[in-house]
C-alpha atoms as a PDB file:
ATOM      1  CA  MET A   1      44.009  15.404 -70.498  1.00  0.00           C
ATOM      2  CA  SER A   2      44.994  18.616 -68.772  1.00  0.00           C
ATOM      3  CA  LYS A   3      46.149  21.681 -70.646  1.00  0.00           C
ATOM      4  CA  VAL A   4      48.622  24.365 -69.661  1.00  0.00           C
ATOM      5  CA  LEU A   5      47.367  27.894 -70.209  1.00  0.00           C
ATOM      6  CA  ASN A   6      49.599  30.473 -71.836  1.00  0.00           C
ATOM      7  CA  ARG A   7      47.919  33.158 -69.750  1.00  0.00           C
ATOM      8  CA  PRO A   8      46.677  33.699 -66.212  1.00  0.00           C
ATOM      9  CA  ILE A   9      43.407  32.088 -65.169  1.00  0.00           C
ATOM     10  CA  ARG A  10      40.645  34.715 -65.097  1.00  0.00           C
ATOM     11  CA  VAL A  11      38.181  34.542 -62.196  1.00  0.00           C
ATOM     12  CA  LEU A  12      35.098  36.656 -61.526  1.00  0.00           C
ATOM     13  CA  VAL A  13      34.322  37.043 -57.804  1.00  0.00           C
ATOM     14  CA  ALA A  14      30.853  38.347 -56.970  1.00  0.00           C
ATOM     15  CA  LYS A  15      28.336  38.947 -54.194  1.00  0.00           C
ATOM     16  CA  VAL A  16      24.749  38.372 -55.320  1.00  0.00           C
ATOM     17  CA  GLY A  17      21.631  39.841 -53.779  1.00  0.00           C
ATOM     18  CA  LEU A  18      21.368  41.832 -50.592  1.00  0.00           C
ATOM     19  CA  ASP A  19      24.161  39.980 -48.781  1.00  0.00           C
ATOM     20  CA  GLY A  20      26.392  42.829 -47.592  1.00  0.00           C
ATOM     21  CA  HIS A  21      29.187  40.749 -46.033  1.00  0.00           C
ATOM     22  CA  ASP A  22      32.060  41.080 -48.468  1.00  0.00           C
ATOM     23  CA  ARG A  23      35.173  40.582 -46.332  1.00  0.00           C
ATOM     24  CA  GLY A  24      35.462  36.907 -47.344  1.00  0.00           C
ATOM     25  CA  ALA A  25      35.041  37.725 -51.034  1.00  0.00           C
ATOM     26  CA  LYS A  26      37.805  40.314 -50.798  1.00  0.00           C
ATOM     27  CA  VAL A  27      40.117  37.865 -49.016  1.00  0.00           C
ATOM     28  CA  ILE A  28      39.457  35.253 -51.710  1.00  0.00           C
ATOM     29  CA  ALA A  29      40.026  37.797 -54.500  1.00  0.00           C
ATOM     30  CA  THR A  30      43.361  38.828 -52.979  1.00  0.00           C
ATOM     31  CA  SER A  31      44.453  35.218 -52.505  1.00  0.00           C
ATOM     32  CA  LEU A  32      43.609  34.327 -56.093  1.00  0.00           C
ATOM     33  CA  ARG A  33      45.578  37.369 -57.305  1.00  0.00           C
ATOM     34  CA  ASP A  34      48.505  36.360 -55.109  1.00  0.00           C
ATOM     35  CA  ALA A  35      48.367  32.935 -56.810  1.00  0.00           C
ATOM     36  CA  GLY A  36      48.798  34.610 -60.204  1.00  0.00           C
ATOM     37  CA  MET A  37      45.181  34.705 -61.351  1.00  0.00           C
ATOM     38  CA  GLU A  38      43.478  37.714 -62.871  1.00  0.00           C
ATOM     39  CA  VAL A  39      40.520  38.619 -60.685  1.00  0.00           C
ATOM     40  CA  ILE A  40      37.506  40.742 -61.511  1.00  0.00           C
ATOM     41  CA  TYR A  41      35.614  41.652 -58.331  1.00  0.00           C
ATOM     42  CA  THR A  42      32.142  43.012 -59.049  1.00  0.00           C
ATOM     43  CA  GLY A  43      31.342  44.190 -55.551  1.00  0.00           C
ATOM     44  CA  LEU A  44      28.056  43.962 -53.701  1.00  0.00           C
ATOM     45  CA  ARG A  45      24.445  43.609 -54.787  1.00  0.00           C
ATOM     46  CA  GLN A  46      24.828  41.959 -58.166  1.00  0.00           C
ATOM     47  CA  THR A  47      22.021  40.045 -59.846  1.00  0.00           C
ATOM     48  CA  PRO A  48      22.627  36.588 -61.316  1.00  0.00           C
ATOM     49  CA  GLU A  49      22.156  38.039 -64.789  1.00  0.00           C
ATOM     50  CA  MET A  50      24.685  40.819 -64.117  1.00  0.00           C
ATOM     51  CA  VAL A  51      27.229  38.249 -62.925  1.00  0.00           C
ATOM     52  CA  VAL A  52      26.851  36.105 -66.033  1.00  0.00           C
ATOM     53  CA  ASN A  53      26.950  39.106 -68.373  1.00  0.00           C
ATOM     54  CA  THR A  54      30.162  40.305 -66.719  1.00  0.00           C
ATOM     55  CA  ALA A  55      31.642  36.805 -66.949  1.00  0.00           C
ATOM     56  CA  LEU A  56      30.877  36.744 -70.657  1.00  0.00           C
ATOM     57  CA  GLN A  57      32.296  40.224 -71.269  1.00  0.00           C
ATOM     58  CA  GLU A  58      35.456  39.494 -69.257  1.00  0.00           C
ATOM     59  CA  ASP A  59      35.966  36.026 -70.824  1.00  0.00           C
ATOM     60  CA  VAL A  60      36.524  34.384 -67.446  1.00  0.00           C
ATOM     61  CA  ASP A  61      37.465  30.795 -66.742  1.00  0.00           C
ATOM     62  CA  ALA A  62      35.643  30.662 -63.413  1.00  0.00           C
ATOM     63  CA  ILE A  63      32.942  32.452 -61.432  1.00  0.00           C
ATOM     64  CA  GLY A  64      33.186  32.469 -57.644  1.00  0.00           C
ATOM     65  CA  ILE A  65      30.120  33.467 -55.648  1.00  0.00           C
ATOM     66  CA  SER A  66      30.403  34.393 -51.993  1.00  0.00           C
ATOM     67  CA  ILE A  67      27.075  33.901 -50.272  1.00  0.00           C
ATOM     68  CA  LEU A  68      26.186  34.107 -46.608  1.00  0.00           C
ATOM     69  CA  SER A  69      22.557  35.183 -46.907  1.00  0.00           C
ATOM     70  CA  GLY A  70      20.995  31.726 -47.129  1.00  0.00           C
ATOM     71  CA  ALA A  71      19.775  32.400 -50.677  1.00  0.00           C
ATOM     72  CA  HIS A  72      22.134  29.869 -52.289  1.00  0.00           C
ATOM     73  CA  MET A  73      19.282  27.622 -53.497  1.00  0.00           C
ATOM     74  CA  THR A  74      17.919  30.583 -55.462  1.00  0.00           C
ATOM     75  CA  VAL A  75      21.134  32.311 -56.538  1.00  0.00           C
ATOM     76  CA  PHE A  76      23.138  29.374 -57.895  1.00  0.00           C
ATOM     77  CA  PRO A  77      20.295  27.880 -60.005  1.00  0.00           C
ATOM     78  CA  LYS A  78      19.615  31.311 -61.524  1.00  0.00           C
ATOM     79  CA  ILE A  79      23.289  31.767 -62.382  1.00  0.00           C
ATOM     80  CA  ILE A  80      23.368  28.277 -63.940  1.00  0.00           C
ATOM     81  CA  HIS A  81      20.260  29.187 -65.976  1.00  0.00           C
ATOM     82  CA  PHE A  82      21.871  32.356 -67.364  1.00  0.00           C
ATOM     83  CA  MET A  83      25.175  30.548 -67.983  1.00  0.00           C
ATOM     84  CA  LYS A  84      23.355  27.947 -70.091  1.00  0.00           C
ATOM     85  CA  GLU A  85      21.430  30.682 -71.872  1.00  0.00           C
ATOM     86  CA  LYS A  86      24.722  32.436 -72.762  1.00  0.00           C
ATOM     87  CA  GLN A  87      26.434  29.105 -73.572  1.00  0.00           C
ATOM     88  CA  LEU A  88      29.074  29.437 -70.864  1.00  0.00           C
ATOM     89  CA  ASP A  89      29.322  25.650 -70.696  1.00  0.00           C
ATOM     90  CA  ASP A  90      33.066  25.533 -70.041  1.00  0.00           C
ATOM     91  CA  VAL A  91      33.164  28.089 -67.211  1.00  0.00           C
ATOM     92  CA  LEU A  92      33.421  26.883 -63.623  1.00  0.00           C
ATOM     93  CA  LEU A  93      30.766  28.085 -61.184  1.00  0.00           C
ATOM     94  CA  THR A  94      32.048  27.712 -57.649  1.00  0.00           C
ATOM     95  CA  GLY A  95      31.616  29.582 -54.410  1.00  0.00           C
ATOM     96  CA  GLY A  96      31.615  29.603 -50.705  1.00  0.00           C
ATOM     97  CA  GLY A  97      29.675  30.455 -47.626  1.00  0.00           C
ATOM     98  CA  ILE A  98      27.423  28.711 -45.180  1.00  0.00           C
ATOM     99  CA  ILE A  99      25.768  26.068 -47.331  1.00  0.00           C
ATOM    100  CA  PRO A 100      24.404  22.843 -45.799  1.00  0.00           C
ATOM    101  CA  GLU A 101      25.753  19.574 -47.211  1.00  0.00           C
ATOM    102  CA  ALA A 102      22.321  18.504 -48.509  1.00  0.00           C
ATOM    103  CA  ASP A 103      22.093  21.747 -50.500  1.00  0.00           C
ATOM    104  CA  ARG A 104      25.651  21.302 -51.819  1.00  0.00           C
ATOM    105  CA  ILE A 105      24.656  17.921 -53.202  1.00  0.00           C
ATOM    106  CA  LYS A 106      21.561  19.379 -54.918  1.00  0.00           C
ATOM    107  CA  LEU A 107      23.574  22.255 -56.368  1.00  0.00           C
ATOM    108  CA  ALA A 108      26.287  19.892 -57.621  1.00  0.00           C
ATOM    109  CA  ALA A 109      23.585  17.940 -59.473  1.00  0.00           C
ATOM    110  CA  LEU A 110      22.666  21.198 -61.255  1.00  0.00           C
ATOM    111  CA  GLY A 111      26.264  21.764 -62.340  1.00  0.00           C
ATOM    112  CA  VAL A 112      27.681  23.916 -59.551  1.00  0.00           C
ATOM    113  CA  GLY A 113      31.294  23.080 -58.696  1.00  0.00           C
ATOM    114  CA  GLU A 114      32.830  22.728 -55.265  1.00  0.00           C
ATOM    115  CA  LEU A 115      31.354  24.988 -52.580  1.00  0.00           C
ATOM    116  CA  PHE A 116      33.794  25.951 -49.853  1.00  0.00           C
ATOM    117  CA  PRO A 117      32.728  26.465 -46.219  1.00  0.00           C
ATOM    118  CA  PRO A 118      34.319  29.000 -43.880  1.00  0.00           C
ATOM    119  CA  GLY A 119      37.736  27.828 -42.737  1.00  0.00           C
ATOM    120  CA  THR A 120      38.759  26.310 -46.069  1.00  0.00           C
ATOM    121  CA  THR A 121      42.397  27.023 -46.829  1.00  0.00           C
ATOM    122  CA  MET A 122      43.197  29.411 -49.643  1.00  0.00           C
ATOM    123  CA  ALA A 123      45.573  26.806 -51.087  1.00  0.00           C
ATOM    124  CA  SER A 124      42.651  24.353 -51.441  1.00  0.00           C
ATOM    125  CA  ILE A 125      40.581  26.894 -53.341  1.00  0.00           C
ATOM    126  CA  VAL A 126      43.477  27.901 -55.607  1.00  0.00           C
ATOM    127  CA  ASP A 127      44.330  24.260 -56.343  1.00  0.00           C
ATOM    128  CA  TYR A 128      40.705  23.426 -57.117  1.00  0.00           C
ATOM    129  CA  ILE A 129      40.313  26.289 -59.588  1.00  0.00           C
ATOM    130  CA  GLN A 130      43.675  25.618 -61.267  1.00  0.00           C
ATOM    131  CA  ASN A 131      42.942  21.899 -61.653  1.00  0.00           C
ATOM    132  CA  TRP A 132      39.375  22.405 -62.866  1.00  0.00           C
ATOM    133  CA  VAL A 133      40.411  24.969 -65.474  1.00  0.00           C
ATOM    134  CA  ALA A 134      43.304  22.793 -66.687  1.00  0.00           C
ATOM    135  CA  GLN A 135      40.976  19.814 -67.127  1.00  0.00           C
ATOM    136  CA  ASN A 136      37.786  21.441 -68.381  1.00  0.00           C
ATOM    137  CA  ARG A 137      38.354  24.737 -70.116  1.00  0.00           C
ATOM    138  CA  ASN A 138      37.896  24.578 -73.890  1.00  0.00           C
ATOM    139  CA  PHE A 139      40.041  26.813 -76.078  1.00  0.00           C
END
């Protein structure tokens, strides 16, 4: 059963590690804001633990990781680990970047949500987050 929130969806957008390409993350953050979401953008060079701590402090509904460095098989499992440690079981972890399909499947098995490749429409990302939060967020 889906729920209607009485507040904007809160999304944390982050860049983890030494990946310095943040244009895509900024475009996503702006698009999510334009869709009515509250967005917290942490900027570059975050650690997985910093991302999860910020998500906890900001009481977000979703975490979006932009990753182009090829470190997705390290970054996402570490974020999942810290999310479990902090009991963020009802927070969506999603992201985007250049991630091979085989790795997407492995990450999904760990609990990572949809991972969006370059060229994905903003409407698809917004719809995914809105639907996931409506169906999964516990209040």
